Amino acid sequence: MSWIRKKKKYNRPRQIYDSQRIQEENLLVQQYGLKNKKEIWKADAAIGRLRAQAKEMITASEEDRKHLFDKLNKIGFKVEKIADVLGLEKEDWLKRRLQTIVYKKGLAQSPKGARQKITHKHIMIDGNVVNTPSYIVKVEEENKITERKKKVKKPKVEKKEDVEEKPVTEEKKDSEKDKENVQEEVKEDKKE
């Protein structure tokens, strides 16, 4: 049996206790309703990978550049030049997350509420449930984000064919009258 070695998708900051960086990260965590700072570092690493691709494209053909720009435009980054790609920041990545877009669309009252709705499988994209708050939403999917409707249980209704009405016999009428008489006698006894 072979083991797959998983790699981290982020890098920790070099300076652990940099107060300015910590304050900026705290603001981002509140603004985007993130679970922890690791999500900020993942966004930063993703933008770093895009920048590295853009640097490689400086010497590449025009066709390869266009392919990269089309890919980034589908994600929602408005990119026309390599300089635009190099100018992307981690906030641009965080704005394209499903959690942020659900909040901005008004499907949730807060970013944390949006995260909870997504993880509890109440959000759908094009009819498919997506329960990953960090899902990067493409431009074409933005209008297809909906809230999942609750299933309403329908009460069971008996069919009229199955249920036959039975005629009431005189014996049953007499027994019902006897019960009513007994109840009246009990009421009279209580009054006395």
N, C-alpha and C. Protein backbone atom coordinates (compact mmCIF):
# COMPACT_ATOMS: atom_id res chain seq x y z
N MET A 1 0.84 -1.17 0.00
CA MET A 1 0.00 0.00 0.00
C MET A 1 0.89 1.24 0.00
N SER A 2 0.63 2.13 -0.92
CA SER A 2 1.44 3.34 -1.00
C SER A 2 0.73 4.49 -0.31
N TRP A 3 1.50 5.32 0.27
CA TRP A 3 0.97 6.48 1.00
C TRP A 3 1.12 7.72 0.15
N ILE A 4 0.12 8.57 0.19
CA ILE A 4 0.18 9.84 -0.53
C ILE A 4 0.62 10.91 0.46
N ARG A 5 1.66 11.59 0.09
CA ARG A 5 2.17 12.63 0.98
C ARG A 5 1.47 13.93 0.66
N LYS A 6 0.80 14.47 1.65
CA LYS A 6 0.08 15.73 1.46
C LYS A 6 1.01 16.90 1.76
N LYS A 7 0.86 17.94 0.95
CA LYS A 7 1.67 19.13 1.14
C LYS A 7 0.80 20.25 1.67
N LYS A 8 1.39 21.11 2.44
CA LYS A 8 0.65 22.28 2.92
C LYS A 8 0.37 23.22 1.76
N LYS A 9 -0.79 23.86 1.81
CA LYS A 9 -1.16 24.80 0.76
C LYS A 9 -0.92 26.24 1.21
N TYR A 10 -0.12 26.40 2.22
CA TYR A 10 0.16 27.74 2.73
C TYR A 10 1.52 27.77 3.38
N ASN A 11 2.02 28.96 3.62
CA ASN A 11 3.26 29.16 4.37
C ASN A 11 2.96 30.07 5.54
N ARG A 12 3.53 29.73 6.67
CA ARG A 12 3.35 30.59 7.85
C ARG A 12 4.20 31.85 7.69
N PRO A 13 3.81 32.92 8.39
CA PRO A 13 4.62 34.15 8.31
C PRO A 13 6.02 33.92 8.90
N ARG A 14 6.98 34.64 8.38
CA ARG A 14 8.36 34.47 8.86
C ARG A 14 8.51 34.98 10.28
N GLN A 15 7.97 36.17 10.53
CA GLN A 15 8.03 36.71 11.90
C GLN A 15 6.74 36.35 12.61
N ILE A 16 6.86 35.64 13.70
CA ILE A 16 5.67 35.16 14.39
C ILE A 16 4.92 36.31 15.06
N TYR A 17 5.62 37.17 15.77
CA TYR A 17 4.98 38.23 16.54
C TYR A 17 5.22 39.60 15.91
N ASP A 18 4.59 39.84 14.79
CA ASP A 18 4.64 41.14 14.14
C ASP A 18 3.28 41.80 14.40
N SER A 19 3.24 42.76 15.28
CA SER A 19 1.95 43.32 15.75
C SER A 19 1.14 43.94 14.60
N GLN A 20 1.79 44.60 13.66
CA GLN A 20 1.08 45.22 12.56
C GLN A 20 0.39 44.15 11.69
N ARG A 21 1.12 43.08 11.38
CA ARG A 21 0.54 41.98 10.59
C ARG A 21 -0.61 41.32 11.33
N ILE A 22 -0.44 41.12 12.63
CA ILE A 22 -1.48 40.48 13.43
C ILE A 22 -2.76 41.33 13.44
N GLN A 23 -2.62 42.64 13.55
CA GLN A 23 -3.80 43.53 13.54
C GLN A 23 -4.50 43.50 12.18
N GLU A 24 -3.73 43.50 11.11
CA GLU A 24 -4.31 43.43 9.77
C GLU A 24 -5.06 42.11 9.57
N GLU A 25 -4.45 41.02 10.04
CA GLU A 25 -5.09 39.71 9.91
C GLU A 25 -6.37 39.63 10.74
N ASN A 26 -6.36 40.23 11.92
CA ASN A 26 -7.57 40.23 12.76
C ASN A 26 -8.71 40.96 12.07
N LEU A 27 -8.39 42.07 11.39
CA LEU A 27 -9.42 42.79 10.64
C LEU A 27 -9.98 41.95 9.50
N LEU A 28 -9.09 41.24 8.80
CA LEU A 28 -9.54 40.38 7.69
C LEU A 28 -10.41 39.23 8.20
N VAL A 29 -10.02 38.66 9.34
CA VAL A 29 -10.81 37.57 9.93
C VAL A 29 -12.21 38.05 10.25
N GLN A 30 -12.33 39.25 10.82
CA GLN A 30 -13.66 39.79 11.14
C GLN A 30 -14.42 40.17 9.88
N GLN A 31 -13.77 40.82 8.95
CA GLN A 31 -14.44 41.32 7.74
C GLN A 31 -14.99 40.18 6.89
N TYR A 32 -14.23 39.10 6.74
CA TYR A 32 -14.65 38.00 5.88
C TYR A 32 -15.18 36.80 6.64
N GLY A 33 -15.27 36.88 7.97
CA GLY A 33 -15.83 35.80 8.79
C GLY A 33 -15.04 34.51 8.69
N LEU A 34 -13.73 34.61 8.70
CA LEU A 34 -12.87 33.44 8.53
C LEU A 34 -12.79 32.64 9.83
N LYS A 35 -12.51 31.36 9.69
CA LYS A 35 -12.40 30.47 10.84
C LYS A 35 -11.12 30.74 11.62
N ASN A 36 -10.02 30.89 10.88
CA ASN A 36 -8.74 31.15 11.51
C ASN A 36 -7.81 31.85 10.52
N LYS A 37 -6.62 32.17 10.97
CA LYS A 37 -5.69 32.91 10.13
C LYS A 37 -5.05 32.04 9.05
N LYS A 38 -5.16 30.74 9.21
CA LYS A 38 -4.64 29.83 8.19
C LYS A 38 -5.33 30.08 6.85
N GLU A 39 -6.61 30.47 6.89
CA GLU A 39 -7.33 30.75 5.65
C GLU A 39 -6.76 31.98 4.95
N ILE A 40 -6.28 32.95 5.72
CA ILE A 40 -5.62 34.12 5.12
C ILE A 40 -4.32 33.69 4.47
N TRP A 41 -3.59 32.84 5.15
CA TRP A 41 -2.30 32.39 4.61
C TRP A 41 -2.51 31.55 3.35
N LYS A 42 -3.60 30.78 3.29
CA LYS A 42 -3.89 30.01 2.08
C LYS A 42 -4.20 30.94 0.91
N ALA A 43 -4.96 32.01 1.18
CA ALA A 43 -5.27 32.98 0.13
C ALA A 43 -3.99 33.65 -0.36
N ASP A 44 -3.12 33.98 0.58
CA ASP A 44 -1.85 34.62 0.23
C ASP A 44 -1.01 33.68 -0.64
N ALA A 45 -1.00 32.38 -0.29
CA ALA A 45 -0.23 31.40 -1.07
C ALA A 45 -0.83 31.24 -2.47
N ALA A 46 -2.15 31.26 -2.58
CA ALA A 46 -2.80 31.12 -3.89
C ALA A 46 -2.45 32.30 -4.79
N ILE A 47 -2.48 33.50 -4.22
CA ILE A 47 -2.10 34.69 -4.99
C ILE A 47 -0.62 34.61 -5.38
N GLY A 48 0.20 34.08 -4.48
CA GLY A 48 1.63 33.91 -4.79
C GLY A 48 1.84 32.97 -5.97
N ARG A 49 1.03 31.89 -6.03
CA ARG A 49 1.14 30.96 -7.16
C ARG A 49 0.73 31.65 -8.47
N LEU A 50 -0.32 32.49 -8.41
CA LEU A 50 -0.74 33.22 -9.61
C LEU A 50 0.34 34.19 -10.07
N ARG A 51 0.98 34.86 -9.12
CA ARG A 51 2.06 35.79 -9.47
C ARG A 51 3.22 35.05 -10.12
N ALA A 52 3.55 33.87 -9.57
CA ALA A 52 4.65 33.07 -10.13
C ALA A 52 4.33 32.67 -11.57
N GLN A 53 3.06 32.28 -11.82
CA GLN A 53 2.65 31.95 -13.19
C GLN A 53 2.79 33.15 -14.11
N ALA A 54 2.40 34.32 -13.60
CA ALA A 54 2.47 35.54 -14.41
C ALA A 54 3.92 35.88 -14.74
N LYS A 55 4.83 35.67 -13.80
CA LYS A 55 6.25 35.94 -14.05
C LYS A 55 6.79 35.01 -15.13
N GLU A 56 6.33 33.76 -15.13
CA GLU A 56 6.75 32.83 -16.18
C GLU A 56 6.19 33.23 -17.55
N MET A 57 5.03 33.87 -17.54
CA MET A 57 4.36 34.25 -18.79
C MET A 57 5.00 35.47 -19.45
N ILE A 58 5.91 36.14 -18.77
CA ILE A 58 6.57 37.31 -19.37
C ILE A 58 7.32 36.89 -20.63
N THR A 59 7.97 35.73 -20.57
CA THR A 59 8.72 35.26 -21.73
C THR A 59 7.93 34.30 -22.61
N ALA A 60 6.70 33.96 -22.20
CA ALA A 60 5.89 32.99 -22.95
C ALA A 60 5.21 33.65 -24.15
N SER A 61 4.55 32.83 -24.95
CA SER A 61 3.88 33.33 -26.14
C SER A 61 2.59 34.08 -25.76
N GLU A 62 2.11 34.85 -26.71
CA GLU A 62 0.88 35.64 -26.49
C GLU A 62 -0.31 34.72 -26.24
N GLU A 63 -0.32 33.57 -26.86
CA GLU A 63 -1.42 32.62 -26.70
C GLU A 63 -1.49 32.09 -25.26
N ASP A 64 -0.32 31.79 -24.68
CA ASP A 64 -0.27 31.32 -23.29
C ASP A 64 -0.73 32.41 -22.33
N ARG A 65 -0.33 33.63 -22.60
CA ARG A 65 -0.76 34.76 -21.76
C ARG A 65 -2.28 34.90 -21.80
N LYS A 66 -2.82 34.83 -23.01
CA LYS A 66 -4.26 34.98 -23.17
C LYS A 66 -5.00 33.88 -22.42
N HIS A 67 -4.45 32.67 -22.46
CA HIS A 67 -5.06 31.55 -21.73
C HIS A 67 -5.10 31.84 -20.22
N LEU A 68 -4.00 32.35 -19.68
CA LEU A 68 -3.95 32.70 -18.25
C LEU A 68 -4.94 33.82 -17.92
N PHE A 69 -4.99 34.85 -18.76
CA PHE A 69 -5.90 35.97 -18.51
C PHE A 69 -7.37 35.52 -18.56
N ASP A 70 -7.69 34.64 -19.52
CA ASP A 70 -9.06 34.12 -19.63
C ASP A 70 -9.43 33.33 -18.37
N LYS A 71 -8.49 32.53 -17.92
CA LYS A 71 -8.72 31.72 -16.71
C LYS A 71 -9.00 32.62 -15.51
N LEU A 72 -8.20 33.67 -15.36
CA LEU A 72 -8.39 34.58 -14.22
C LEU A 72 -9.65 35.42 -14.36
N ASN A 73 -10.01 35.79 -15.57
CA ASN A 73 -11.25 36.55 -15.79
C ASN A 73 -12.48 35.70 -15.48
N LYS A 74 -12.41 34.40 -15.75
CA LYS A 74 -13.53 33.51 -15.41
C LYS A 74 -13.72 33.44 -13.90
N ILE A 75 -12.62 33.48 -13.16
CA ILE A 75 -12.71 33.45 -11.70
C ILE A 75 -13.29 34.75 -11.17
N GLY A 76 -13.05 35.84 -11.87
CA GLY A 76 -13.62 37.12 -11.44
C GLY A 76 -12.58 38.21 -11.24
N PHE A 77 -11.34 37.93 -11.55
CA PHE A 77 -10.30 38.95 -11.48
C PHE A 77 -10.28 39.68 -12.82
N LYS A 78 -10.37 40.99 -12.79
CA LYS A 78 -10.34 41.77 -14.04
C LYS A 78 -8.88 42.01 -14.41
N VAL A 79 -8.38 41.15 -15.29
CA VAL A 79 -6.97 41.16 -15.63
C VAL A 79 -6.81 41.31 -17.14
N GLU A 80 -5.96 42.25 -17.55
CA GLU A 80 -5.68 42.43 -18.97
C GLU A 80 -4.18 42.35 -19.28
N LYS A 81 -3.35 42.62 -18.27
CA LYS A 81 -1.90 42.61 -18.46
C LYS A 81 -1.26 41.79 -17.35
N ILE A 82 0.01 41.49 -17.55
CA ILE A 82 0.76 40.78 -16.52
C ILE A 82 0.91 41.64 -15.27
N ALA A 83 0.99 42.93 -15.46
CA ALA A 83 1.10 43.85 -14.31
C ALA A 83 -0.16 43.77 -13.42
N ASP A 84 -1.32 43.54 -14.04
CA ASP A 84 -2.56 43.39 -13.27
C ASP A 84 -2.51 42.14 -12.40
N VAL A 85 -1.95 41.07 -12.95
CA VAL A 85 -1.84 39.81 -12.19
C VAL A 85 -0.87 40.00 -11.03
N LEU A 86 0.23 40.69 -11.29
CA LEU A 86 1.21 40.93 -10.23
C LEU A 86 0.66 41.87 -9.15
N GLY A 87 -0.35 42.66 -9.50
CA GLY A 87 -0.95 43.59 -8.55
C GLY A 87 -2.06 42.99 -7.69
N LEU A 88 -2.40 41.71 -7.92
CA LEU A 88 -3.45 41.06 -7.11
C LEU A 88 -3.00 40.91 -5.67
N GLU A 89 -3.96 41.00 -4.75
CA GLU A 89 -3.67 40.85 -3.32
C GLU A 89 -4.55 39.77 -2.73
N LYS A 90 -4.25 39.38 -1.50
CA LYS A 90 -5.02 38.30 -0.86
C LYS A 90 -6.49 38.68 -0.66
N GLU A 91 -6.78 39.96 -0.51
CA GLU A 91 -8.17 40.40 -0.36
C GLU A 91 -8.97 40.13 -1.63
N ASP A 92 -8.32 40.22 -2.80
CA ASP A 92 -9.00 39.92 -4.06
C ASP A 92 -9.44 38.45 -4.07
N TRP A 93 -8.60 37.57 -3.53
CA TRP A 93 -8.92 36.15 -3.45
C TRP A 93 -10.05 35.91 -2.45
N LEU A 94 -9.98 36.59 -1.31
CA LEU A 94 -11.00 36.42 -0.27
C LEU A 94 -12.38 36.91 -0.73
N LYS A 95 -12.39 37.90 -1.61
CA LYS A 95 -13.67 38.42 -2.13
C LYS A 95 -14.36 37.42 -3.05
N ARG A 96 -13.64 36.48 -3.63
CA ARG A 96 -14.21 35.50 -4.55
C ARG A 96 -14.64 34.21 -3.86
N ARG A 97 -14.48 34.13 -2.54
CA ARG A 97 -14.90 32.93 -1.79
C ARG A 97 -16.42 32.86 -1.73
N LEU A 98 -16.94 31.65 -1.67
CA LEU A 98 -18.39 31.45 -1.60
C LEU A 98 -18.97 32.12 -0.35
N GLN A 99 -18.28 32.03 0.74
CA GLN A 99 -18.75 32.63 1.99
C GLN A 99 -18.99 34.13 1.84
N THR A 100 -18.07 34.83 1.23
CA THR A 100 -18.19 36.27 1.05
C THR A 100 -19.32 36.62 0.09
N ILE A 101 -19.44 35.87 -0.98
CA ILE A 101 -20.46 36.17 -1.99
C ILE A 101 -21.86 35.89 -1.45
N VAL A 102 -22.01 34.84 -0.65
CA VAL A 102 -23.32 34.55 -0.05
C VAL A 102 -23.73 35.70 0.87
N TYR A 103 -22.78 36.23 1.62
CA TYR A 103 -23.09 37.37 2.51
C TYR A 103 -23.43 38.62 1.71
N LYS A 104 -22.66 38.89 0.65
CA LYS A 104 -22.90 40.10 -0.14
C LYS A 104 -24.19 40.03 -0.94
N LYS A 105 -24.63 38.81 -1.28
CA LYS A 105 -25.90 38.64 -1.99
C LYS A 105 -27.10 38.83 -1.07
N GLY A 106 -26.86 38.80 0.24
CA GLY A 106 -27.95 38.98 1.19
C GLY A 106 -28.62 37.68 1.62
N LEU A 107 -28.00 36.54 1.33
CA LEU A 107 -28.55 35.26 1.76
C LEU A 107 -28.26 34.96 3.22
N ALA A 108 -27.36 35.75 3.82
CA ALA A 108 -27.03 35.59 5.23
C ALA A 108 -26.87 36.97 5.85
N GLN A 109 -27.05 37.05 7.17
CA GLN A 109 -27.00 38.35 7.84
C GLN A 109 -25.59 38.78 8.19
N SER A 110 -24.66 37.82 8.27
CA SER A 110 -23.28 38.15 8.59
C SER A 110 -22.36 37.16 7.88
N PRO A 111 -21.08 37.47 7.79
CA PRO A 111 -20.15 36.51 7.16
C PRO A 111 -20.09 35.18 7.92
N LYS A 112 -20.17 35.24 9.25
CA LYS A 112 -20.17 34.00 10.04
C LYS A 112 -21.44 33.20 9.78
N GLY A 113 -22.57 33.92 9.63
CA GLY A 113 -23.83 33.26 9.32
C GLY A 113 -23.79 32.60 7.95
N ALA A 114 -23.11 33.26 7.01
CA ALA A 114 -22.95 32.68 5.67
C ALA A 114 -22.13 31.39 5.76
N ARG A 115 -21.08 31.42 6.55
CA ARG A 115 -20.25 30.23 6.72
C ARG A 115 -21.07 29.07 7.30
N GLN A 116 -21.90 29.39 8.29
CA GLN A 116 -22.71 28.35 8.92
C GLN A 116 -23.73 27.77 7.93
N LYS A 117 -24.36 28.63 7.15
CA LYS A 117 -25.33 28.14 6.16
C LYS A 117 -24.64 27.22 5.15
N ILE A 118 -23.44 27.58 4.75
CA ILE A 118 -22.72 26.78 3.76
C ILE A 118 -22.34 25.42 4.35
N THR A 119 -21.79 25.41 5.55
CA THR A 119 -21.35 24.14 6.15
C THR A 119 -22.52 23.25 6.52
N HIS A 120 -23.69 23.83 6.75
CA HIS A 120 -24.88 23.04 7.07
C HIS A 120 -25.66 22.64 5.82
N LYS A 121 -25.06 22.88 4.66
CA LYS A 121 -25.59 22.47 3.36
C LYS A 121 -26.92 23.15 3.01
N HIS A 122 -27.03 24.44 3.30
CA HIS A 122 -28.22 25.20 2.94
C HIS A 122 -28.02 26.04 1.68
N ILE A 123 -26.83 26.01 1.09
CA ILE A 123 -26.52 26.82 -0.09
C ILE A 123 -26.27 25.90 -1.28
N MET A 124 -26.85 26.28 -2.41
CA MET A 124 -26.68 25.50 -3.63
C MET A 124 -26.13 26.39 -4.75
N ILE A 125 -25.32 25.79 -5.61
CA ILE A 125 -24.84 26.48 -6.81
C ILE A 125 -25.30 25.65 -7.99
N ASP A 126 -26.16 26.24 -8.79
CA ASP A 126 -26.69 25.59 -9.99
C ASP A 126 -27.33 24.23 -9.66
N GLY A 127 -28.03 24.18 -8.54
CA GLY A 127 -28.74 22.96 -8.15
C GLY A 127 -27.91 21.94 -7.40
N ASN A 128 -26.63 22.20 -7.19
CA ASN A 128 -25.75 21.29 -6.46
C ASN A 128 -25.38 21.90 -5.12
N VAL A 129 -25.46 21.10 -4.05
CA VAL A 129 -25.10 21.58 -2.72
C VAL A 129 -23.59 21.71 -2.64
N VAL A 130 -23.14 22.87 -2.15
CA VAL A 130 -21.71 23.11 -1.93
C VAL A 130 -21.54 23.45 -0.46
N ASN A 131 -20.73 22.66 0.25
CA ASN A 131 -20.56 22.90 1.68
C ASN A 131 -19.13 23.30 2.05
N THR A 132 -18.46 23.96 1.12
CA THR A 132 -17.10 24.43 1.36
C THR A 132 -17.08 25.95 1.30
N PRO A 133 -16.89 26.63 2.45
CA PRO A 133 -16.91 28.10 2.44
C PRO A 133 -15.79 28.72 1.61
N SER A 134 -14.68 28.00 1.41
CA SER A 134 -13.55 28.55 0.67
C SER A 134 -13.65 28.29 -0.83
N TYR A 135 -14.78 27.77 -1.29
CA TYR A 135 -14.97 27.51 -2.72
C TYR A 135 -14.87 28.83 -3.49
N ILE A 136 -14.03 28.85 -4.51
CA ILE A 136 -13.86 30.05 -5.32
C ILE A 136 -14.94 30.06 -6.40
N VAL A 137 -15.78 31.09 -6.35
CA VAL A 137 -16.94 31.17 -7.23
C VAL A 137 -16.55 31.83 -8.55
N LYS A 138 -16.92 31.19 -9.64
CA LYS A 138 -16.67 31.77 -10.96
C LYS A 138 -17.75 32.81 -11.25
N VAL A 139 -17.49 33.69 -12.19
CA VAL A 139 -18.43 34.77 -12.53
C VAL A 139 -19.75 34.19 -13.03
N GLU A 140 -19.69 33.15 -13.84
CA GLU A 140 -20.92 32.57 -14.39
C GLU A 140 -21.75 31.86 -13.33
N GLU A 141 -21.14 31.46 -12.22
CA GLU A 141 -21.86 30.78 -11.14
C GLU A 141 -22.49 31.74 -10.15
N GLU A 142 -22.08 32.99 -10.17
CA GLU A 142 -22.54 33.96 -9.18
C GLU A 142 -24.06 34.09 -9.14
N ASN A 143 -24.70 34.12 -10.29
CA ASN A 143 -26.16 34.28 -10.35
C ASN A 143 -26.90 32.98 -10.06
N LYS A 144 -26.19 31.87 -10.00
CA LYS A 144 -26.82 30.57 -9.78
C LYS A 144 -26.79 30.15 -8.31
N ILE A 145 -26.32 31.03 -7.43
CA ILE A 145 -26.26 30.71 -6.01
C ILE A 145 -27.64 30.91 -5.41
N THR A 146 -28.17 29.86 -4.80
CA THR A 146 -29.49 29.94 -4.18
C THR A 146 -29.46 29.26 -2.82
N GLU A 147 -30.51 29.56 -2.06
CA GLU A 147 -30.65 28.91 -0.76
C GLU A 147 -31.49 27.65 -0.96
N ARG A 148 -31.10 26.60 -0.31
CA ARG A 148 -31.80 25.32 -0.45
C ARG A 148 -33.13 25.40 0.28
N LYS A 149 -34.17 24.99 -0.39
CA LYS A 149 -35.51 25.04 0.21
C LYS A 149 -35.71 23.85 1.13
N LYS A 150 -36.43 24.10 2.22
CA LYS A 150 -36.71 23.03 3.17
C LYS A 150 -37.75 22.10 2.59
N LYS A 151 -37.59 20.83 2.90
CA LYS A 151 -38.57 19.85 2.44
C LYS A 151 -39.76 19.88 3.39
N VAL A 152 -40.93 20.01 2.82
CA VAL A 152 -42.15 20.03 3.61
C VAL A 152 -42.79 18.66 3.52
N LYS A 153 -43.03 18.09 4.70
CA LYS A 153 -43.65 16.77 4.71
C LYS A 153 -45.15 16.93 4.46
N LYS A 154 -45.63 16.18 3.53
CA LYS A 154 -47.05 16.23 3.21
C LYS A 154 -47.79 15.26 4.12
N PRO A 155 -48.93 15.69 4.68
CA PRO A 155 -49.70 14.77 5.52
C PRO A 155 -50.28 13.64 4.68
N LYS A 156 -50.32 12.49 5.30
CA LYS A 156 -50.86 11.34 4.59
C LYS A 156 -52.38 11.47 4.51
N VAL A 157 -52.91 11.32 3.33
CA VAL A 157 -54.35 11.41 3.11
C VAL A 157 -54.84 10.04 2.68
N GLU A 158 -55.86 9.56 3.39
CA GLU A 158 -56.41 8.25 3.04
C GLU A 158 -57.29 8.40 1.81
N LYS A 159 -57.20 7.44 0.96
CA LYS A 159 -58.00 7.47 -0.25
C LYS A 159 -59.43 7.07 0.09
N LYS A 160 -60.38 7.68 -0.57
CA LYS A 160 -61.79 7.41 -0.31
C LYS A 160 -62.16 5.99 -0.75
N GLU A 161 -61.46 5.44 -1.69
CA GLU A 161 -61.74 4.09 -2.15
C GLU A 161 -61.42 3.07 -1.07
N ASP A 162 -60.32 3.33 -0.32
CA ASP A 162 -59.89 2.38 0.70
C ASP A 162 -60.81 2.40 1.92
N VAL A 163 -61.33 3.55 2.26
CA VAL A 163 -62.14 3.69 3.46
C VAL A 163 -63.61 3.61 3.06
N GLU A 164 -64.29 2.64 3.61
CA GLU A 164 -65.72 2.51 3.36
C GLU A 164 -66.47 2.98 4.58
N GLU A 165 -67.53 3.69 4.36
CA GLU A 165 -68.33 4.16 5.47
C GLU A 165 -69.23 3.04 5.93
N LYS A 166 -69.19 2.79 7.23
CA LYS A 166 -70.02 1.72 7.80
C LYS A 166 -71.30 2.34 8.33
N PRO A 167 -72.41 1.71 8.09
CA PRO A 167 -73.67 2.26 8.61
C PRO A 167 -73.72 2.12 10.13
N VAL A 168 -74.30 3.12 10.76
CA VAL A 168 -74.41 3.12 12.21
C VAL A 168 -75.64 2.29 12.59
N THR A 169 -75.43 1.33 13.43
CA THR A 169 -76.54 0.47 13.85
C THR A 169 -77.27 1.10 15.03
N GLU A 170 -78.44 0.56 15.31
CA GLU A 170 -79.26 1.10 16.41
C GLU A 170 -78.61 0.81 17.75
N GLU A 171 -77.87 -0.31 17.85
CA GLU A 171 -77.21 -0.65 19.11
C GLU A 171 -76.17 0.40 19.48
N LYS A 172 -75.42 0.87 18.48
CA LYS A 172 -74.41 1.89 18.74
C LYS A 172 -75.05 3.18 19.15
N LYS A 173 -76.18 3.53 18.53
CA LYS A 173 -76.89 4.76 18.91
C LYS A 173 -77.33 4.68 20.36
N ASP A 174 -77.85 3.51 20.78
CA ASP A 174 -78.30 3.32 22.17
C ASP A 174 -77.13 3.43 23.14
N SER A 175 -75.98 2.84 22.78
CA SER A 175 -74.82 2.88 23.68
C SER A 175 -74.31 4.32 23.82
N GLU A 176 -74.36 5.10 22.74
CA GLU A 176 -73.94 6.50 22.81
C GLU A 176 -74.88 7.30 23.69
N LYS A 177 -76.18 7.03 23.62
CA LYS A 177 -77.16 7.72 24.48
C LYS A 177 -76.92 7.37 25.94
N ASP A 178 -76.60 6.10 26.20
CA ASP A 178 -76.34 5.67 27.58
C ASP A 178 -75.12 6.41 28.15
N LYS A 179 -74.08 6.58 27.34
CA LYS A 179 -72.88 7.30 27.79
C LYS A 179 -73.22 8.74 28.12
N GLU A 180 -74.03 9.37 27.29
CA GLU A 180 -74.42 10.76 27.54
C GLU A 180 -75.23 10.88 28.83
N ASN A 181 -76.12 9.92 29.08
CA ASN A 181 -76.93 9.94 30.31
C ASN A 181 -76.04 9.79 31.53
N VAL A 182 -75.06 8.91 31.46
CA VAL A 182 -74.15 8.70 32.59
C VAL A 182 -73.36 9.98 32.86
N GLN A 183 -72.91 10.64 31.81
CA GLN A 183 -72.15 11.88 31.99
C GLN A 183 -73.02 12.96 32.63
N GLU A 184 -74.28 13.05 32.23
CA GLU A 184 -75.19 14.04 32.82
C GLU A 184 -75.42 13.76 34.29
N GLU A 185 -75.56 12.47 34.66
CA GLU A 185 -75.77 12.10 36.05
C GLU A 185 -74.55 12.46 36.91
N VAL A 186 -73.37 12.26 36.36
CA VAL A 186 -72.14 12.59 37.09
C VAL A 186 -72.06 14.11 37.31
N LYS A 187 -72.45 14.89 36.34
CA LYS A 187 -72.44 16.34 36.48
C LYS A 187 -73.44 16.79 37.55
N GLU A 188 -74.62 16.16 37.57
CA GLU A 188 -75.63 16.51 38.56
C GLU A 188 -75.16 16.18 39.97
N ASP A 189 -74.49 15.04 40.10
CA ASP A 189 -73.97 14.61 41.42
C ASP A 189 -72.93 15.60 41.91
N LYS A 190 -72.11 16.11 41.02
CA LYS A 190 -71.06 17.08 41.41
C LYS A 190 -71.67 18.39 41.87
N LYS A 191 -72.78 18.78 41.23
CA LYS A 191 -73.45 20.03 41.61
C LYS A 191 -74.04 19.93 43.00
N GLU A 192 -74.54 18.77 43.38
CA GLU A 192 -75.18 18.60 44.69
C GLU A 192 -74.14 18.52 45.74
